[in-house]
C-alpha atoms as a PDB file:
ATOM      1  CA  MET A   1       0.000   0.000   0.000  1.00  0.00           C
ATOM      2  CA  THR A   2       1.212   3.474  -0.752  1.00  0.00           C
ATOM      3  CA  PRO A   3       1.494   6.044   2.040  1.00  0.00           C
ATOM      4  CA  ASP A   4      -1.358   8.006   0.405  1.00  0.00           C
ATOM      5  CA  ILE A   5      -3.675   4.990   0.606  1.00  0.00           C
ATOM      6  CA  VAL A   6      -2.659   4.292   4.218  1.00  0.00           C
ATOM      7  CA  PHE A   7      -3.251   7.972   5.069  1.00  0.00           C
ATOM      8  CA  SER A   8      -6.755   7.783   3.571  1.00  0.00           C
ATOM      9  CA  PHE A   9      -7.443   4.470   5.329  1.00  0.00           C
ATOM     10  CA  ALA A  10      -6.336   5.846   8.711  1.00  0.00           C
ATOM     11  CA  ASN A  11      -8.546   8.903   8.317  1.00  0.00           C
ATOM     12  CA  LEU A  12     -11.427   6.745   7.138  1.00  0.00           C
ATOM     13  CA  ILE A  13     -11.399   4.390  10.131  1.00  0.00           C
ATOM     14  CA  VAL A  14     -11.295   7.123  12.783  1.00  0.00           C
ATOM     15  CA  MET A  15     -14.186   9.198  11.435  1.00  0.00           C
ATOM     16  CA  PRO A  16     -16.981   6.675  12.171  1.00  0.00           C
ATOM     17  CA  MET A  17     -15.545   6.067  15.636  1.00  0.00           C
ATOM     18  CA  TRP A  18     -15.664   9.771  16.480  1.00  0.00           C
ATOM     19  CA  VAL A  19     -19.230   9.992  15.161  1.00  0.00           C
ATOM     20  CA  LEU A  20     -20.269   6.992  17.269  1.00  0.00           C
ATOM     21  CA  MET A  21     -18.620   8.483  20.342  1.00  0.00           C
ATOM     22  CA  MET A  22     -20.434  11.793  19.859  1.00  0.00           C
ATOM     23  CA  ILE A  23     -23.865  10.529  18.795  1.00  0.00           C
ATOM     24  CA  LEU A  24     -24.186   7.021  20.282  1.00  0.00           C
ATOM     25  CA  PRO A  25     -21.665   6.875  23.147  1.00  0.00           C
ATOM     26  CA  ASN A  26     -23.550   4.192  25.083  1.00  0.00           C
ATOM     27  CA  TRP A  27     -24.500   1.924  22.180  1.00  0.00           C
ATOM     28  CA  LYS A  28     -23.124  -1.595  22.686  1.00  0.00           C
ATOM     29  CA  VAL A  29     -21.080  -1.441  19.452  1.00  0.00           C
ATOM     30  CA  THR A  30     -19.543   1.889  20.462  1.00  0.00           C
ATOM     31  CA  ARG A  31     -18.798   0.562  23.941  1.00  0.00           C
ATOM     32  CA  PHE A  32     -17.222  -2.598  22.490  1.00  0.00           C
ATOM     33  CA  LEU A  33     -14.957  -0.533  20.236  1.00  0.00           C
ATOM     34  CA  ILE A  34     -14.028   1.721  23.164  1.00  0.00           C
ATOM     35  CA  ASP A  35     -13.530  -1.073  25.692  1.00  0.00           C
ATOM     36  CA  TYR A  36     -11.273  -3.103  23.391  1.00  0.00           C
ATOM     37  CA  LYS A  37      -9.617  -0.082  21.735  1.00  0.00           C
ATOM     38  CA  ILE A  38     -10.071  -1.697  18.316  1.00  0.00           C
ATOM     39  CA  ILE A  39      -9.335   1.375  16.181  1.00  0.00           C
ATOM     40  CA  PRO A  40      -6.349   2.570  18.254  1.00  0.00           C
ATOM     41  CA  VAL A  41      -4.873  -0.945  18.080  1.00  0.00           C
ATOM     42  CA  LEU A  42      -5.184  -0.940  14.276  1.00  0.00           C
ATOM     43  CA  LEU A  43      -3.636   2.522  14.120  1.00  0.00           C
ATOM     44  CA  SER A  44      -0.827   1.399  16.433  1.00  0.00           C
ATOM     45  CA  ILE A  45       0.034  -1.414  14.036  1.00  0.00           C
ATOM     46  CA  VAL A  46       0.107   1.029  11.117  1.00  0.00           C
ATOM     47  CA  TYR A  47       2.232   3.407  13.204  1.00  0.00           C
ATOM     48  CA  ALA A  48       4.719   0.678  14.102  1.00  0.00           C
ATOM     49  CA  ILE A  49       5.135  -0.284  10.450  1.00  0.00           C
ATOM     50  CA  TYR A  50       5.682   3.258   9.200  1.00  0.00           C
ATOM     51  CA  ILE A  51       7.865   4.460  12.058  1.00  0.00           C
ATOM     52  CA  LEU A  52      10.088   1.423  11.512  1.00  0.00           C
ATOM     53  CA  GLN A  53      10.258   2.165   7.787  1.00  0.00           C
ATOM     54  CA  ALA A  54      11.117   5.800   8.532  1.00  0.00           C
ATOM     55  CA  MET A  55      13.886   4.699  10.885  1.00  0.00           C
ATOM     56  CA  LEU A  56      15.279   2.279   8.298  1.00  0.00           C
ATOM     57  CA  ILE A  57      15.277   4.972   5.621  1.00  0.00           C
ATOM     58  CA  GLY A  58      16.376   7.938   7.713  1.00  0.00           C
ATOM     59  CA  GLY A  59      18.413   6.377  10.492  1.00  0.00           C
ATOM     60  CA  THR A  60      18.113   7.447  14.099  1.00  0.00           C
ATOM     61  CA  MET A  61      15.504   9.962  15.118  1.00  0.00           C
ATOM     62  CA  ASP A  62      16.777  13.076  16.826  1.00  0.00           C
ATOM     63  CA  PHE A  63      14.213  14.838  19.027  1.00  0.00           C
ATOM     64  CA  GLY A  64      16.824  17.103  20.642  1.00  0.00           C
ATOM     65  CA  SER A  65      15.919  20.313  18.866  1.00  0.00           C
ATOM     66  CA  LEU A  66      13.066  21.819  16.894  1.00  0.00           C
ATOM     67  CA  LYS A  67      15.260  21.846  13.789  1.00  0.00           C
ATOM     68  CA  SER A  68      15.950  18.101  14.174  1.00  0.00           C
ATOM     69  CA  VAL A  69      12.259  17.313  14.596  1.00  0.00           C
ATOM     70  CA  MET A  70      11.431  19.431  11.534  1.00  0.00           C
ATOM     71  CA  ALA A  71      13.985  17.437   9.550  1.00  0.00           C
ATOM     72  CA  LEU A  72      12.263  14.199  10.598  1.00  0.00           C
ATOM     73  CA  PHE A  73       9.052  15.399   9.011  1.00  0.00           C
ATOM     74  CA  THR A  74      10.585  15.716   5.570  1.00  0.00           C
ATOM     75  CA  GLU A  75      10.424  11.941   5.062  1.00  0.00           C
ATOM     76  CA  GLU A  76       7.032  10.660   3.850  1.00  0.00           C
ATOM     77  CA  ASN A  77       6.917   7.586   6.095  1.00  0.00           C
ATOM     78  CA  ALA A  78       7.787   9.681   9.156  1.00  0.00           C
ATOM     79  CA  VAL A  79       5.061  12.207   8.346  1.00  0.00           C
ATOM     80  CA  LEU A  80       2.537   9.401   7.893  1.00  0.00           C
ATOM     81  CA  ALA A  81       3.635   7.823  11.181  1.00  0.00           C
ATOM     82  CA  GLY A  82       3.310  11.202  12.884  1.00  0.00           C
ATOM     83  CA  TRP A  83      -0.206  11.684  11.522  1.00  0.00           C
ATOM     84  CA  VAL A  84      -1.279   8.194  12.590  1.00  0.00           C
ATOM     85  CA  HIS A  85       0.242   8.932  16.011  1.00  0.00           C
ATOM     86  CA  TYR A  86      -2.037  11.988  16.314  1.00  0.00           C
ATOM     87  CA  LEU A  87      -5.082  10.040  15.155  1.00  0.00           C
ATOM     88  CA  ALA A  88      -4.463   7.184  17.593  1.00  0.00           C
ATOM     89  CA  PHE A  89      -3.696   9.291  20.645  1.00  0.00           C
ATOM     90  CA  ASP A  90      -6.467  11.831  20.097  1.00  0.00           C
ATOM     91  CA  LEU A  91      -8.889   8.917  19.751  1.00  0.00           C
ATOM     92  CA  LEU A  92      -7.545   7.300  22.925  1.00  0.00           C
ATOM     93  CA  VAL A  93      -8.011  10.577  24.782  1.00  0.00           C
ATOM     94  CA  GLY A  94     -11.588  10.831  23.466  1.00  0.00           C
ATOM     95  CA  MET A  95     -12.295   7.283  24.634  1.00  0.00           C
ATOM     96  CA  TRP A  96     -10.753   8.047  28.018  1.00  0.00           C
ATOM     97  CA  LEU A  97     -12.923  11.178  28.335  1.00  0.00           C
ATOM     98  CA  LEU A  98     -16.060   9.130  27.704  1.00  0.00           C
ATOM     99  CA  ASP A  99     -14.952   6.586  30.297  1.00  0.00           C
ATOM    100  CA  GLN A 100     -14.228   9.379  32.793  1.00  0.00           C
ATOM    101  CA  ASN A 101     -17.610  10.905  32.091  1.00  0.00           C
ATOM    102  CA  LYS A 102     -19.320   7.814  33.495  1.00  0.00           C
ATOM    103  CA  THR A 103     -18.552   9.285  36.925  1.00  0.00           C
ATOM    104  CA  THR A 104     -18.318  12.984  36.038  1.00  0.00           C
ATOM    105  CA  GLN A 105     -21.742  12.940  34.340  1.00  0.00           C
ATOM    106  CA  ILE A 106     -21.227  15.970  32.102  1.00  0.00           C
ATOM    107  CA  ASN A 107     -24.311  16.388  29.930  1.00  0.00           C
ATOM    108  CA  ARG A 108     -24.023  14.360  26.743  1.00  0.00           C
ATOM    109  CA  TRP A 109     -24.684  17.496  24.644  1.00  0.00           C
ATOM    110  CA  LEU A 110     -21.714  19.221  26.285  1.00  0.00           C
ATOM    111  CA  MET A 111     -19.585  16.160  25.590  1.00  0.00           C
ATOM    112  CA  ILE A 112     -20.086  16.620  21.839  1.00  0.00           C
ATOM    113  CA  PRO A 113     -18.026  19.866  21.612  1.00  0.00           C
ATOM    114  CA  ILE A 114     -15.489  18.359  24.023  1.00  0.00           C
ATOM    115  CA  LEU A 115     -15.067  15.317  21.770  1.00  0.00           C
ATOM    116  CA  LEU A 116     -15.080  17.452  18.623  1.00  0.00           C
ATOM    117  CA  GLY A 117     -12.399  19.653  20.183  1.00  0.00           C
ATOM    118  CA  THR A 118     -10.362  16.578  21.046  1.00  0.00           C
ATOM    119  CA  PHE A 119     -10.735  15.205  17.524  1.00  0.00           C
ATOM    120  CA  MET A 120      -9.788  18.463  15.827  1.00  0.00           C
ATOM    121  CA  PHE A 121      -7.355  20.019  18.307  1.00  0.00           C
ATOM    122  CA  GLY A 122      -6.383  17.262  20.767  1.00  0.00           C
ATOM    123  CA  PRO A 123      -5.303  19.050  23.934  1.00  0.00           C
ATOM    124  CA  ILE A 124      -7.922  21.798  23.551  1.00  0.00           C
ATOM    125  CA  GLY A 125     -10.758  19.260  23.829  1.00  0.00           C
ATOM    126  CA  PHE A 126      -9.048  17.700  26.835  1.00  0.00           C
ATOM    127  CA  LEU A 127      -8.648  21.147  28.415  1.00  0.00           C
ATOM    128  CA  LEU A 128     -12.322  21.935  27.778  1.00  0.00           C
ATOM    129  CA  TYR A 129     -13.305  18.708  29.553  1.00  0.00           C
ATOM    130  CA  ILE A 130     -11.111  19.556  32.552  1.00  0.00           C
ATOM    131  CA  ILE A 131     -12.554  23.085  32.763  1.00  0.00           C
ATOM    132  CA  ILE A 132     -16.173  21.858  32.588  1.00  0.00           C
ATOM    133  CA  LYS A 133     -15.444  19.061  35.067  1.00  0.00           C
ATOM    134  CA  THR A 134     -13.842  21.552  37.470  1.00  0.00           C
ATOM    135  CA  LEU A 135     -16.750  23.994  37.159  1.00  0.00           C
ATOM    136  CA  LYS A 136     -19.224  21.165  37.693  1.00  0.00           C
ATOM    137  CA  ASN A 137     -17.364  19.966  40.788  1.00  0.00           C
ATOM    138  CA  THR A 138     -17.183  23.458  42.319  1.00  0.00           C
ATOM    139  CA  LYS A 139     -20.968  23.801  42.016  1.00  0.00           C
ATOM    140  CA  SER A 140     -21.538  20.518  43.872  1.00  0.00           C
END
């Protein structure tokens, strides 16, 4: 498979999961996918393959400076691995937020922008959850 096809595949498999998490978070299929981390596991396999290929092509990875990290992202396999890394970890954070919300009990309609923020901007969605959780806890 070409990196372009893998990129499209990775994007394609996360989209339905995010929709399920936002619209049907308690549906048994959604819960199964969350509980067993099916999509993140698949993405982790893809990540492992492409990060290994990037290392074989480009040698060691230097994370010691911004310039070194920028150089890493000039190799197609490393960029693809980086993108899959974002997809997998943002999805894991979204799943974790839903699991945490079992006890926090933030309104499901408020969880939609939190999850959307996590999907689109990772840490911003997480931060929004923490802020709403904190505000909710101070009112109790």
